[in-house]
Amino acid sequence: MFVDEIHRFSKSQQNAFLHHVEKGLITLIGATTENPSFEVIAPLLSRCRVIVLLQLSEKALSAILHRTMEDREKGLGLSGIRVGNKAASHLIRIADGDARALLNSLEIISGFAGSEGIKEIALEHVENALQKMSFYYDKSGEEHYNLISAFHKSMRGSDPDAALYWLARMLEGGEDPFYILRRMVRFASEDVGNADPYALRMTLDAMESYRFLGSPEGELALAQAAVYLATDPKSSSIYSAYKKVKETVRKSGSLPVPFHIRNAPGKLMKNMGYGKGYRYAHDYKDAFVSQNYLPEELKEMQWYFPSGRGYEQGVKMRMEQWEKIKKSEKKKLSCLSGSNENYLSSD
């Protein structure tokens, strides 16, 4: 028994299948465009095998299109009429993995071509018949990289209007929304960083919203995130710092961890000096104490310089205050060291 749109059956109606499925009286095949986990009752679902029918690939749609064109009996009135390569590509793209949508479009074009006496359907004929514009966009070629670059640079340049324009160009051109979202997540760390730590959460929420809603409803989440990122304070401090740190790591190799910040879970390690001299930050004012956390060879190095914009303004102020404490500590140690030397020389 084949039941189309099984999600439209109420729970009690679905329950009526249970006995007959269990007895083997019927082999039940249900079709639904909804998530069966939510729309089909659990007892029935547990007795069935769920098969997910994915969108058809462009290759499969192309095969269907050409078979339809070659079928003289069921060729939708297109016998003797050719479909140009660009027109075929556009038809396949706007079908979005749906063979029925492709065939419906061909049926509309057949009427258009017949009334106009057209022998070869070109791209402009498809656009005129379906009122769907074709955008020049190659998802794997140069234009793919040109548009994502324009989108990224518009957000970096704090231009929300341009960011929305390039976003729409990509989405209307058939770009994978998750590719755009991945670039926005990267942007949140590379170009906004700690100027607004919430930017990363915003882009991840946009990704989850699109995953939940899909197109076209979910595209608004991308637009919201793009405008948010474009109008955010910008900082590349983390990006620059991490880049420099990686270069230092490659050049300096595997430098040993200072003994005072090593963990000492056993007696042998304690005897070797692990953890000796470590000062617990929370025991000090403002939970900060001046001590070295880097390998000895790199103890004077600094890579992260906050921009002073947005949230990083507060970060910069805290780091400047910590730097004053460090300098004060060094000055005290220097004075103590000098006093000891004078004492020894006089003795």
C-alpha atoms as a PDB file:
ATOM      1  CA  MET A   1       0.000   0.000   0.000  1.00  0.00           C
ATOM      2  CA  PHE A   2       1.463   3.329  -1.081  1.00  0.00           C
ATOM      3  CA  VAL A   3       0.325   6.323   0.983  1.00  0.00           C
ATOM      4  CA  ASP A   4       1.288   9.715  -0.414  1.00  0.00           C
ATOM      5  CA  GLU A   5       1.751  12.580   2.069  1.00  0.00           C
ATOM      6  CA  ILE A   6       1.399  10.214   5.016  1.00  0.00           C
ATOM      7  CA  HIS A   7       2.092  13.112   7.396  1.00  0.00           C
ATOM      8  CA  ARG A   8      -1.431  14.379   6.671  1.00  0.00           C
ATOM      9  CA  PHE A   9      -2.932  11.310   8.401  1.00  0.00           C
ATOM     10  CA  SER A  10      -3.868  11.878  12.049  1.00  0.00           C
ATOM     11  CA  LYS A  11      -2.272   9.771  14.799  1.00  0.00           C
ATOM     12  CA  SER A  12      -5.349   7.551  15.111  1.00  0.00           C
ATOM     13  CA  GLN A  13      -5.444   7.054  11.331  1.00  0.00           C
ATOM     14  CA  GLN A  14      -1.766   6.091  11.305  1.00  0.00           C
ATOM     15  CA  ASN A  15      -2.437   3.713  14.192  1.00  0.00           C
ATOM     16  CA  ALA A  16      -4.918   1.856  11.973  1.00  0.00           C
ATOM     17  CA  PHE A  17      -1.996   0.623   9.834  1.00  0.00           C
ATOM     18  CA  LEU A  18      -0.131  -0.962  12.745  1.00  0.00           C
ATOM     19  CA  HIS A  19      -2.005  -4.262  13.044  1.00  0.00           C
ATOM     20  CA  HIS A  20      -1.916  -4.933   9.289  1.00  0.00           C
ATOM     21  CA  VAL A  21       1.783  -4.074   9.030  1.00  0.00           C
ATOM     22  CA  GLU A  22       2.633  -6.394  11.939  1.00  0.00           C
ATOM     23  CA  LYS A  23       0.574  -9.273  10.459  1.00  0.00           C
ATOM     24  CA  GLY A  24       2.226  -8.796   7.077  1.00  0.00           C
ATOM     25  CA  LEU A  25      -1.085  -8.188   5.354  1.00  0.00           C
ATOM     26  CA  ILE A  26       0.300  -5.045   3.733  1.00  0.00           C
ATOM     27  CA  THR A  27       3.697  -3.692   2.844  1.00  0.00           C
ATOM     28  CA  LEU A  28       3.331  -0.039   3.713  1.00  0.00           C
ATOM     29  CA  ILE A  29       5.183   2.601   1.710  1.00  0.00           C
ATOM     30  CA  GLY A  30       4.606   6.151   2.903  1.00  0.00           C
ATOM     31  CA  ALA A  31       5.895   9.299   1.213  1.00  0.00           C
ATOM     32  CA  THR A  32       6.360  12.605   3.013  1.00  0.00           C
ATOM     33  CA  THR A  33       8.188  15.880   2.526  1.00  0.00           C
ATOM     34  CA  GLU A  34       8.216  16.412   6.308  1.00  0.00           C
ATOM     35  CA  ASN A  35      10.540  14.976   8.945  1.00  0.00           C
ATOM     36  CA  PRO A  36       9.067  11.527   9.755  1.00  0.00           C
ATOM     37  CA  SER A  37      10.509  11.680  13.278  1.00  0.00           C
ATOM     38  CA  PHE A  38       7.950  14.401  14.058  1.00  0.00           C
ATOM     39  CA  GLU A  39       5.102  13.593  11.668  1.00  0.00           C
ATOM     40  CA  VAL A  40       4.837   9.772  11.814  1.00  0.00           C
ATOM     41  CA  ILE A  41       3.892   8.006  15.057  1.00  0.00           C
ATOM     42  CA  ALA A  42       6.779   6.220  16.790  1.00  0.00           C
ATOM     43  CA  PRO A  43       5.213   2.673  16.799  1.00  0.00           C
ATOM     44  CA  LEU A  44       4.700   2.827  13.041  1.00  0.00           C
ATOM     45  CA  LEU A  45       8.103   4.402  12.424  1.00  0.00           C
ATOM     46  CA  SER A  46       9.844   1.644  14.436  1.00  0.00           C
ATOM     47  CA  ARG A  47       8.308  -0.994  12.136  1.00  0.00           C
ATOM     48  CA  CYS A  48       9.404   0.775   8.970  1.00  0.00           C
ATOM     49  CA  ARG A  49      12.676   1.533   7.287  1.00  0.00           C
ATOM     50  CA  VAL A  50      13.245   5.253   6.646  1.00  0.00           C
ATOM     51  CA  ILE A  51      14.745   6.034   3.251  1.00  0.00           C
ATOM     52  CA  VAL A  52      15.823   9.626   2.633  1.00  0.00           C
ATOM     53  CA  LEU A  53      15.369  10.763  -0.965  1.00  0.00           C
ATOM     54  CA  LEU A  54      17.957  13.455  -1.595  1.00  0.00           C
ATOM     55  CA  GLN A  55      17.858  16.176  -4.228  1.00  0.00           C
ATOM     56  CA  LEU A  56      18.799  14.943  -7.677  1.00  0.00           C
ATOM     57  CA  SER A  57      22.271  15.875  -8.870  1.00  0.00           C
ATOM     58  CA  GLU A  58      22.797  18.184 -11.838  1.00  0.00           C
ATOM     59  CA  LYS A  59      24.059  15.158 -13.772  1.00  0.00           C
ATOM     60  CA  ALA A  60      20.813  13.257 -13.099  1.00  0.00           C
ATOM     61  CA  LEU A  61      18.664  16.258 -14.036  1.00  0.00           C
ATOM     62  CA  SER A  62      20.666  16.681 -17.230  1.00  0.00           C
ATOM     63  CA  ALA A  63      19.950  13.036 -18.138  1.00  0.00           C
ATOM     64  CA  ILE A  64      16.213  13.538 -17.485  1.00  0.00           C
ATOM     65  CA  LEU A  65      16.190  16.698 -19.599  1.00  0.00           C
ATOM     66  CA  HIS A  66      17.872  14.994 -22.554  1.00  0.00           C
ATOM     67  CA  ARG A  67      15.661  11.889 -22.308  1.00  0.00           C
ATOM     68  CA  THR A  68      12.589  14.126 -22.327  1.00  0.00           C
ATOM     69  CA  MET A  69      13.854  15.985 -25.392  1.00  0.00           C
ATOM     70  CA  GLU A  70      14.512  12.731 -27.244  1.00  0.00           C
ATOM     71  CA  ASP A  71      11.168  11.113 -26.343  1.00  0.00           C
ATOM     72  CA  ARG A  72       8.963  11.905 -29.359  1.00  0.00           C
ATOM     73  CA  GLU A  73       5.808  10.459 -27.794  1.00  0.00           C
ATOM     74  CA  LYS A  74       6.078  12.118 -24.375  1.00  0.00           C
ATOM     75  CA  GLY A  75       8.382  14.979 -25.254  1.00  0.00           C
ATOM     76  CA  LEU A  76       6.022  17.701 -24.010  1.00  0.00           C
ATOM     77  CA  GLY A  77       5.563  19.043 -27.518  1.00  0.00           C
ATOM     78  CA  LEU A  78       9.294  19.711 -27.896  1.00  0.00           C
ATOM     79  CA  SER A  79       9.826  17.315 -30.799  1.00  0.00           C
ATOM     80  CA  GLY A  80      12.124  18.931 -33.358  1.00  0.00           C
ATOM     81  CA  ILE A  81      13.113  21.729 -30.969  1.00  0.00           C
ATOM     82  CA  ARG A  82      16.581  21.904 -29.374  1.00  0.00           C
ATOM     83  CA  VAL A  83      17.498  23.380 -25.998  1.00  0.00           C
ATOM     84  CA  GLY A  84      20.790  25.286 -26.037  1.00  0.00           C
ATOM     85  CA  ASN A  85      23.528  24.489 -23.509  1.00  0.00           C
ATOM     86  CA  LYS A  86      23.138  27.726 -21.511  1.00  0.00           C
ATOM     87  CA  ALA A  87      19.365  27.346 -21.472  1.00  0.00           C
ATOM     88  CA  ALA A  88      19.683  23.733 -20.291  1.00  0.00           C
ATOM     89  CA  SER A  89      22.124  24.733 -17.519  1.00  0.00           C
ATOM     90  CA  HIS A  90      19.748  27.447 -16.345  1.00  0.00           C
ATOM     91  CA  LEU A  91      16.787  25.046 -16.313  1.00  0.00           C
ATOM     92  CA  ILE A  92      18.744  22.520 -14.290  1.00  0.00           C
ATOM     93  CA  ARG A  93      19.896  25.173 -11.794  1.00  0.00           C
ATOM     94  CA  ILE A  94      16.441  26.638 -11.119  1.00  0.00           C
ATOM     95  CA  ALA A  95      14.992  23.111 -10.757  1.00  0.00           C
ATOM     96  CA  ASP A  96      17.092  22.861  -7.561  1.00  0.00           C
ATOM     97  CA  GLY A  97      17.287  19.067  -7.578  1.00  0.00           C
ATOM     98  CA  ASP A  98      13.564  18.568  -8.324  1.00  0.00           C
ATOM     99  CA  ALA A  99      12.767  16.580 -11.509  1.00  0.00           C
ATOM    100  CA  ARG A 100       9.103  17.591 -11.392  1.00  0.00           C
ATOM    101  CA  ALA A 101      10.088  21.284 -11.334  1.00  0.00           C
ATOM    102  CA  LEU A 102      12.357  20.662 -14.336  1.00  0.00           C
ATOM    103  CA  LEU A 103       9.589  18.946 -16.323  1.00  0.00           C
ATOM    104  CA  ASN A 104       7.076  21.653 -15.400  1.00  0.00           C
ATOM    105  CA  SER A 105       9.489  24.286 -16.716  1.00  0.00           C
ATOM    106  CA  LEU A 106       9.950  22.309 -19.942  1.00  0.00           C
ATOM    107  CA  GLU A 107       6.189  22.107 -20.358  1.00  0.00           C
ATOM    108  CA  ILE A 108       5.854  25.892 -20.051  1.00  0.00           C
ATOM    109  CA  ILE A 109       8.685  26.396 -22.550  1.00  0.00           C
ATOM    110  CA  SER A 110       7.119  23.964 -25.007  1.00  0.00           C
ATOM    111  CA  GLY A 111       4.037  26.175 -25.252  1.00  0.00           C
ATOM    112  CA  PHE A 112       6.178  29.286 -25.557  1.00  0.00           C
ATOM    113  CA  ALA A 113       8.412  27.775 -28.240  1.00  0.00           C
ATOM    114  CA  GLY A 114       5.462  26.434 -30.221  1.00  0.00           C
ATOM    115  CA  SER A 115       3.619  29.770 -30.273  1.00  0.00           C
ATOM    116  CA  GLU A 116       6.761  31.687 -31.286  1.00  0.00           C
ATOM    117  CA  GLY A 117       7.960  29.174 -33.884  1.00  0.00           C
ATOM    118  CA  ILE A 118      11.325  28.751 -32.110  1.00  0.00           C
ATOM    119  CA  LYS A 119      13.548  25.852 -33.206  1.00  0.00           C
ATOM    120  CA  GLU A 120      16.338  26.280 -30.627  1.00  0.00           C
ATOM    121  CA  ILE A 121      15.545  27.504 -27.147  1.00  0.00           C
ATOM    122  CA  ALA A 122      18.169  29.974 -25.929  1.00  0.00           C
ATOM    123  CA  LEU A 123      18.781  31.340 -22.426  1.00  0.00           C
ATOM    124  CA  GLU A 124      16.738  34.509 -23.051  1.00  0.00           C
ATOM    125  CA  HIS A 125      13.766  32.368 -24.160  1.00  0.00           C
ATOM    126  CA  VAL A 126      13.856  30.472 -20.862  1.00  0.00           C
ATOM    127  CA  GLU A 127      14.041  33.735 -18.896  1.00  0.00           C
ATOM    128  CA  ASN A 128      11.141  35.228 -20.827  1.00  0.00           C
ATOM    129  CA  ALA A 129       8.981  32.110 -20.478  1.00  0.00           C
ATOM    130  CA  LEU A 130       9.688  31.471 -16.785  1.00  0.00           C
ATOM    131  CA  GLN A 131      10.357  35.057 -15.672  1.00  0.00           C
ATOM    132  CA  LYS A 132      13.456  33.837 -13.841  1.00  0.00           C
ATOM    133  CA  MET A 133      16.609  35.761 -14.551  1.00  0.00           C
ATOM    134  CA  SER A 134      19.900  33.942 -15.083  1.00  0.00           C
ATOM    135  CA  PHE A 135      22.845  35.463 -13.242  1.00  0.00           C
ATOM    136  CA  TYR A 136      26.348  35.057 -14.569  1.00  0.00           C
ATOM    137  CA  TYR A 137      27.842  32.942 -11.826  1.00  0.00           C
ATOM    138  CA  ASP A 138      30.164  29.983 -12.080  1.00  0.00           C
ATOM    139  CA  LYS A 139      30.190  28.168  -8.745  1.00  0.00           C
ATOM    140  CA  SER A 140      33.590  26.609  -9.425  1.00  0.00           C
ATOM    141  CA  GLY A 141      35.233  29.281 -11.595  1.00  0.00           C
ATOM    142  CA  GLU A 142      36.681  32.777 -11.299  1.00  0.00           C
ATOM    143  CA  GLU A 143      33.347  34.528 -10.717  1.00  0.00           C
ATOM    144  CA  HIS A 144      32.802  32.326  -7.643  1.00  0.00           C
ATOM    145  CA  TYR A 145      35.959  33.752  -6.063  1.00  0.00           C
ATOM    146  CA  ASN A 146      35.304  37.284  -7.324  1.00  0.00           C
ATOM    147  CA  LEU A 147      31.909  37.499  -5.629  1.00  0.00           C
ATOM    148  CA  ILE A 148      32.942  35.962  -2.304  1.00  0.00           C
ATOM    149  CA  SER A 149      35.918  38.343  -2.273  1.00  0.00           C
ATOM    150  CA  ALA A 150      33.623  41.315  -2.924  1.00  0.00           C
ATOM    151  CA  PHE A 151      31.296  40.112  -0.135  1.00  0.00           C
ATOM    152  CA  HIS A 152      34.151  39.685   2.366  1.00  0.00           C
ATOM    153  CA  LYS A 153      35.735  43.049   1.557  1.00  0.00           C
ATOM    154  CA  SER A 154      32.356  44.844   1.758  1.00  0.00           C
ATOM    155  CA  MET A 155      31.842  43.535   5.301  1.00  0.00           C
ATOM    156  CA  ARG A 156      35.441  44.390   6.216  1.00  0.00           C
ATOM    157  CA  GLY A 157      34.894  47.888   4.815  1.00  0.00           C
ATOM    158  CA  SER A 158      31.756  48.307   6.978  1.00  0.00           C
ATOM    159  CA  ASP A 159      29.365  48.675   4.014  1.00  0.00           C
ATOM    160  CA  PRO A 160      26.149  46.752   4.858  1.00  0.00           C
ATOM    161  CA  ASP A 161      24.438  47.671   1.576  1.00  0.00           C
ATOM    162  CA  ALA A 162      27.262  46.270  -0.555  1.00  0.00           C
ATOM    163  CA  ALA A 163      27.457  43.175   1.681  1.00  0.00           C
ATOM    164  CA  LEU A 164      23.736  42.513   1.150  1.00  0.00           C
ATOM    165  CA  TYR A 165      24.065  43.055  -2.603  1.00  0.00           C
ATOM    166  CA  TRP A 166      26.899  40.538  -3.047  1.00  0.00           C
ATOM    167  CA  LEU A 167      25.138  38.088  -0.724  1.00  0.00           C
ATOM    168  CA  ALA A 168      21.991  38.259  -2.865  1.00  0.00           C
ATOM    169  CA  ARG A 169      24.040  37.897  -6.053  1.00  0.00           C
ATOM    170  CA  MET A 170      25.590  34.690  -4.761  1.00  0.00           C
ATOM    171  CA  LEU A 171      22.364  33.191  -3.441  1.00  0.00           C
ATOM    172  CA  GLU A 172      20.411  34.057  -6.595  1.00  0.00           C
ATOM    173  CA  GLY A 173      23.260  32.605  -8.636  1.00  0.00           C
ATOM    174  CA  GLY A 174      22.907  29.243  -6.905  1.00  0.00           C
ATOM    175  CA  GLU A 175      25.804  29.388  -4.438  1.00  0.00           C
ATOM    176  CA  ASP A 176      25.700  26.934  -1.531  1.00  0.00           C
ATOM    177  CA  PRO A 177      24.499  29.006   1.479  1.00  0.00           C
ATOM    178  CA  PHE A 178      26.706  26.951   3.806  1.00  0.00           C
ATOM    179  CA  TYR A 179      29.785  28.004   1.839  1.00  0.00           C
ATOM    180  CA  ILE A 180      28.837  31.650   2.464  1.00  0.00           C
ATOM    181  CA  LEU A 181      28.107  30.912   6.126  1.00  0.00           C
ATOM    182  CA  ARG A 182      31.501  29.239   6.601  1.00  0.00           C
ATOM    183  CA  ARG A 183      33.156  32.371   5.226  1.00  0.00           C
ATOM    184  CA  MET A 184      31.140  34.543   7.624  1.00  0.00           C
ATOM    185  CA  VAL A 185      32.164  32.391  10.601  1.00  0.00           C
ATOM    186  CA  ARG A 186      35.789  32.855   9.540  1.00  0.00           C
ATOM    187  CA  PHE A 187      35.190  36.606   9.102  1.00  0.00           C
ATOM    188  CA  ALA A 188      33.834  36.847  12.660  1.00  0.00           C
ATOM    189  CA  SER A 189      37.208  35.663  13.997  1.00  0.00           C
ATOM    190  CA  GLU A 190      39.514  37.198  11.383  1.00  0.00           C
ATOM    191  CA  ASP A 191      38.050  40.691  10.941  1.00  0.00           C
ATOM    192  CA  VAL A 192      35.929  41.301  14.047  1.00  0.00           C
ATOM    193  CA  GLY A 193      37.661  39.157  16.639  1.00  0.00           C
ATOM    194  CA  ASN A 194      37.422  40.386  20.225  1.00  0.00           C
ATOM    195  CA  ALA A 195      36.192  43.807  19.144  1.00  0.00           C
ATOM    196  CA  ASP A 196      32.860  41.977  19.467  1.00  0.00           C
ATOM    197  CA  PRO A 197      33.139  38.401  20.808  1.00  0.00           C
ATOM    198  CA  TYR A 198      29.387  37.925  20.161  1.00  0.00           C
ATOM    199  CA  ALA A 199      29.947  38.130  16.380  1.00  0.00           C
ATOM    200  CA  LEU A 200      31.090  34.508  16.280  1.00  0.00           C
ATOM    201  CA  ARG A 201      27.974  33.373  18.138  1.00  0.00           C
ATOM    202  CA  MET A 202      25.831  35.446  15.775  1.00  0.00           C
ATOM    203  CA  THR A 203      27.211  33.720  12.664  1.00  0.00           C
ATOM    204  CA  LEU A 204      26.900  30.246  14.196  1.00  0.00           C
ATOM    205  CA  ASP A 205      23.276  31.033  15.108  1.00  0.00           C
ATOM    206  CA  ALA A 206      22.693  32.123  11.493  1.00  0.00           C
ATOM    207  CA  MET A 207      24.097  28.795  10.301  1.00  0.00           C
ATOM    208  CA  GLU A 208      21.823  26.852  12.629  1.00  0.00           C
ATOM    209  CA  SER A 209      18.813  28.968  11.605  1.00  0.00           C
ATOM    210  CA  TYR A 210      19.448  28.248   7.937  1.00  0.00           C
ATOM    211  CA  ARG A 211      19.938  24.545   8.667  1.00  0.00           C
ATOM    212  CA  PHE A 212      16.520  24.568  10.395  1.00  0.00           C
ATOM    213  CA  LEU A 213      14.590  26.674   7.858  1.00  0.00           C
ATOM    214  CA  GLY A 214      16.335  26.131   4.519  1.00  0.00           C
ATOM    215  CA  SER A 215      15.653  28.395   1.509  1.00  0.00           C
ATOM    216  CA  PRO A 216      14.133  30.854   1.020  1.00  0.00           C
ATOM    217  CA  GLU A 217      13.093  31.546   4.654  1.00  0.00           C
ATOM    218  CA  GLY A 218      16.519  30.827   6.110  1.00  0.00           C
ATOM    219  CA  GLU A 219      18.277  33.256   3.766  1.00  0.00           C
ATOM    220  CA  LEU A 220      17.137  36.130   5.984  1.00  0.00           C
ATOM    221  CA  ALA A 221      19.383  34.776   8.760  1.00  0.00           C
ATOM    222  CA  LEU A 222      22.355  35.144   6.396  1.00  0.00           C
ATOM    223  CA  ALA A 223      21.298  38.714   5.596  1.00  0.00           C
ATOM    224  CA  GLN A 224      20.972  39.539   9.298  1.00  0.00           C
ATOM    225  CA  ALA A 225      24.426  38.132  10.072  1.00  0.00           C
ATOM    226  CA  ALA A 226      26.002  39.925   7.083  1.00  0.00           C
ATOM    227  CA  VAL A 227      24.629  43.310   8.200  1.00  0.00           C
ATOM    228  CA  TYR A 228      25.703  42.621  11.796  1.00  0.00           C
ATOM    229  CA  LEU A 229      29.267  41.810  10.737  1.00  0.00           C
ATOM    230  CA  ALA A 230      29.459  44.771   8.355  1.00  0.00           C
ATOM    231  CA  THR A 231      28.385  47.245  11.042  1.00  0.00           C
ATOM    232  CA  ASP A 232      30.473  45.716  13.852  1.00  0.00           C
ATOM    233  CA  PRO A 233      33.684  47.290  15.172  1.00  0.00           C
ATOM    234  CA  LYS A 234      36.623  45.600  13.453  1.00  0.00           C
ATOM    235  CA  SER A 235      39.843  44.110  14.785  1.00  0.00           C
ATOM    236  CA  SER A 236      42.372  41.822  13.122  1.00  0.00           C
ATOM    237  CA  SER A 237      44.505  41.659  16.279  1.00  0.00           C
ATOM    238  CA  ILE A 238      43.832  37.968  16.942  1.00  0.00           C
ATOM    239  CA  TYR A 239      44.400  37.051  13.289  1.00  0.00           C
ATOM    240  CA  SER A 240      47.736  38.926  13.224  1.00  0.00           C
ATOM    241  CA  ALA A 241      48.827  37.583  16.609  1.00  0.00           C
ATOM    242  CA  TYR A 242      48.116  33.960  15.757  1.00  0.00           C
ATOM    243  CA  LYS A 243      49.876  34.296  12.396  1.00  0.00           C
ATOM    244  CA  LYS A 244      53.025  35.638  14.111  1.00  0.00           C
ATOM    245  CA  VAL A 245      52.865  32.995  16.854  1.00  0.00           C
ATOM    246  CA  LYS A 246      52.759  30.194  14.250  1.00  0.00           C
ATOM    247  CA  GLU A 247      55.845  31.659  12.560  1.00  0.00           C
ATOM    248  CA  THR A 248      57.652  31.781  15.931  1.00  0.00           C
ATOM    249  CA  VAL A 249      56.683  28.173  16.733  1.00  0.00           C
ATOM    250  CA  ARG A 250      58.019  26.969  13.376  1.00  0.00           C
ATOM    251  CA  LYS A 251      61.312  28.828  13.877  1.00  0.00           C
ATOM    252  CA  SER A 252      61.890  28.099  17.581  1.00  0.00           C
ATOM    253  CA  GLY A 253      60.837  24.445  17.615  1.00  0.00           C
ATOM    254  CA  SER A 254      59.825  22.473  20.725  1.00  0.00           C
ATOM    255  CA  LEU A 255      61.015  24.704  23.562  1.00  0.00           C
ATOM    256  CA  PRO A 256      60.575  23.200  27.056  1.00  0.00           C
ATOM    257  CA  VAL A 257      57.739  24.274  29.349  1.00  0.00           C
ATOM    258  CA  PRO A 258      59.069  26.301  32.327  1.00  0.00           C
ATOM    259  CA  PHE A 259      59.224  24.134  35.461  1.00  0.00           C
ATOM    260  CA  HIS A 260      57.098  26.437  37.606  1.00  0.00           C
ATOM    261  CA  ILE A 261      54.014  26.053  35.353  1.00  0.00           C
ATOM    262  CA  ARG A 262      54.321  22.300  34.919  1.00  0.00           C
ATOM    263  CA  ASN A 263      51.800  20.086  36.694  1.00  0.00           C
ATOM    264  CA  ALA A 264      53.243  17.864  39.436  1.00  0.00           C
ATOM    265  CA  PRO A 265      50.834  14.997  40.128  1.00  0.00           C
ATOM    266  CA  GLY A 266      53.517  12.696  41.585  1.00  0.00           C
ATOM    267  CA  LYS A 267      56.316  12.859  44.175  1.00  0.00           C
ATOM    268  CA  LEU A 268      59.058  12.289  41.591  1.00  0.00           C
ATOM    269  CA  MET A 269      57.909  15.295  39.571  1.00  0.00           C
ATOM    270  CA  LYS A 270      57.756  17.466  42.682  1.00  0.00           C
ATOM    271  CA  ASN A 271      61.319  16.418  43.570  1.00  0.00           C
ATOM    272  CA  MET A 272      62.375  17.383  40.045  1.00  0.00           C
ATOM    273  CA  GLY A 273      61.046  20.902  40.623  1.00  0.00           C
ATOM    274  CA  TYR A 274      57.748  20.673  38.728  1.00  0.00           C
ATOM    275  CA  GLY A 275      55.409  23.449  39.907  1.00  0.00           C
ATOM    276  CA  LYS A 276      58.033  24.976  42.225  1.00  0.00           C
ATOM    277  CA  GLY A 277      57.618  28.731  42.566  1.00  0.00           C
ATOM    278  CA  TYR A 278      54.241  28.830  40.803  1.00  0.00           C
ATOM    279  CA  ARG A 279      52.024  31.644  42.043  1.00  0.00           C
ATOM    280  CA  TYR A 280      48.240  31.071  41.957  1.00  0.00           C
ATOM    281  CA  ALA A 281      46.695  34.133  40.295  1.00  0.00           C
ATOM    282  CA  HIS A 282      43.487  34.082  42.370  1.00  0.00           C
ATOM    283  CA  ASP A 283      45.516  34.628  45.539  1.00  0.00           C
ATOM    284  CA  TYR A 284      46.459  38.104  44.302  1.00  0.00           C
ATOM    285  CA  LYS A 285      44.607  41.360  43.814  1.00  0.00           C
ATOM    286  CA  ASP A 286      42.399  41.403  40.700  1.00  0.00           C
ATOM    287  CA  ALA A 287      43.437  37.750  40.104  1.00  0.00           C
ATOM    288  CA  PHE A 288      46.681  38.861  38.451  1.00  0.00           C
ATOM    289  CA  VAL A 289      50.295  38.173  39.360  1.00  0.00           C
ATOM    290  CA  SER A 290      53.421  38.918  37.374  1.00  0.00           C
ATOM    291  CA  GLN A 291      55.163  35.706  36.353  1.00  0.00           C
ATOM    292  CA  ASN A 292      56.499  34.183  33.147  1.00  0.00           C
ATOM    293  CA  TYR A 293      54.324  31.677  31.254  1.00  0.00           C
ATOM    294  CA  LEU A 294      56.478  31.360  28.117  1.00  0.00           C
ATOM    295  CA  PRO A 295      59.612  29.329  27.434  1.00  0.00           C
ATOM    296  CA  GLU A 296      62.679  31.142  28.787  1.00  0.00           C
ATOM    297  CA  GLU A 297      63.902  31.999  25.272  1.00  0.00           C
ATOM    298  CA  LEU A 298      60.624  33.774  24.459  1.00  0.00           C
ATOM    299  CA  LYS A 299      59.737  35.395  27.779  1.00  0.00           C
ATOM    300  CA  GLU A 300      59.966  38.950  26.440  1.00  0.00           C
ATOM    301  CA  MET A 301      57.847  38.244  23.353  1.00  0.00           C
ATOM    302  CA  GLN A 302      54.409  39.812  22.784  1.00  0.00           C
ATOM    303  CA  TRP A 303      52.185  39.052  19.812  1.00  0.00           C
ATOM    304  CA  TYR A 304      48.698  40.187  20.757  1.00  0.00           C
ATOM    305  CA  PHE A 305      48.046  43.923  20.622  1.00  0.00           C
ATOM    306  CA  PRO A 306      44.334  44.737  21.101  1.00  0.00           C
ATOM    307  CA  SER A 307      42.947  47.361  18.739  1.00  0.00           C
ATOM    308  CA  GLY A 308      41.179  49.492  21.323  1.00  0.00           C
ATOM    309  CA  ARG A 309      37.902  49.249  19.388  1.00  0.00           C
ATOM    310  CA  GLY A 310      34.672  47.795  20.758  1.00  0.00           C
ATOM    311  CA  TYR A 311      35.140  45.181  23.476  1.00  0.00           C
ATOM    312  CA  GLU A 312      38.911  45.246  22.876  1.00  0.00           C
ATOM    313  CA  GLN A 313      39.013  48.760  24.326  1.00  0.00           C
ATOM    314  CA  GLY A 314      38.431  47.206  27.755  1.00  0.00           C
ATOM    315  CA  VAL A 315      40.921  44.406  26.969  1.00  0.00           C
ATOM    316  CA  LYS A 316      43.551  47.004  26.064  1.00  0.00           C
ATOM    317  CA  MET A 317      43.012  48.899  29.323  1.00  0.00           C
ATOM    318  CA  ARG A 318      43.357  45.702  31.376  1.00  0.00           C
ATOM    319  CA  MET A 319      46.520  44.669  29.560  1.00  0.00           C
ATOM    320  CA  GLU A 320      48.057  48.124  30.056  1.00  0.00           C
ATOM    321  CA  GLN A 321      47.277  47.879  33.781  1.00  0.00           C
ATOM    322  CA  TRP A 322      48.859  44.408  33.952  1.00  0.00           C
ATOM    323  CA  GLU A 323      51.920  45.745  32.128  1.00  0.00           C
ATOM    324  CA  LYS A 324      52.333  48.448  34.810  1.00  0.00           C
ATOM    325  CA  ILE A 325      52.192  45.756  37.513  1.00  0.00           C
ATOM    326  CA  LYS A 326      54.838  43.725  35.657  1.00  0.00           C
ATOM    327  CA  LYS A 327      57.159  46.723  35.344  1.00  0.00           C
ATOM    328  CA  SER A 328      56.669  47.590  39.016  1.00  0.00           C
ATOM    329  CA  GLU A 329      57.492  43.982  39.955  1.00  0.00           C
ATOM    330  CA  LYS A 330      60.632  44.021  37.796  1.00  0.00           C
ATOM    331  CA  LYS A 331      61.724  47.300  39.376  1.00  0.00           C
ATOM    332  CA  LYS A 332      61.348  45.844  42.882  1.00  0.00           C
ATOM    333  CA  LEU A 333      63.329  42.737  41.929  1.00  0.00           C
ATOM    334  CA  SER A 334      66.011  44.896  40.367  1.00  0.00           C
ATOM    335  CA  CYS A 335      66.301  46.968  43.567  1.00  0.00           C
ATOM    336  CA  LEU A 336      66.506  43.843  45.726  1.00  0.00           C
ATOM    337  CA  SER A 337      69.154  42.385  43.454  1.00  0.00           C
ATOM    338  CA  GLY A 338      71.200  45.616  43.679  1.00  0.00           C
ATOM    339  CA  SER A 339      70.950  45.688  47.488  1.00  0.00           C
ATOM    340  CA  ASN A 340      72.228  42.120  47.738  1.00  0.00           C
ATOM    341  CA  GLU A 341      75.207  42.911  45.512  1.00  0.00           C
ATOM    342  CA  ASN A 342      76.154  45.956  47.676  1.00  0.00           C
ATOM    343  CA  TYR A 343      75.878  43.880  50.835  1.00  0.00           C
ATOM    344  CA  LEU A 344      78.142  41.166  49.430  1.00  0.00           C
ATOM    345  CA  SER A 345      80.762  43.629  48.172  1.00  0.00           C
ATOM    346  CA  SER A 346      80.921  45.511  51.531  1.00  0.00           C
ATOM    347  CA  ASP A 347      81.240  42.251  53.428  1.00  0.00           C
END
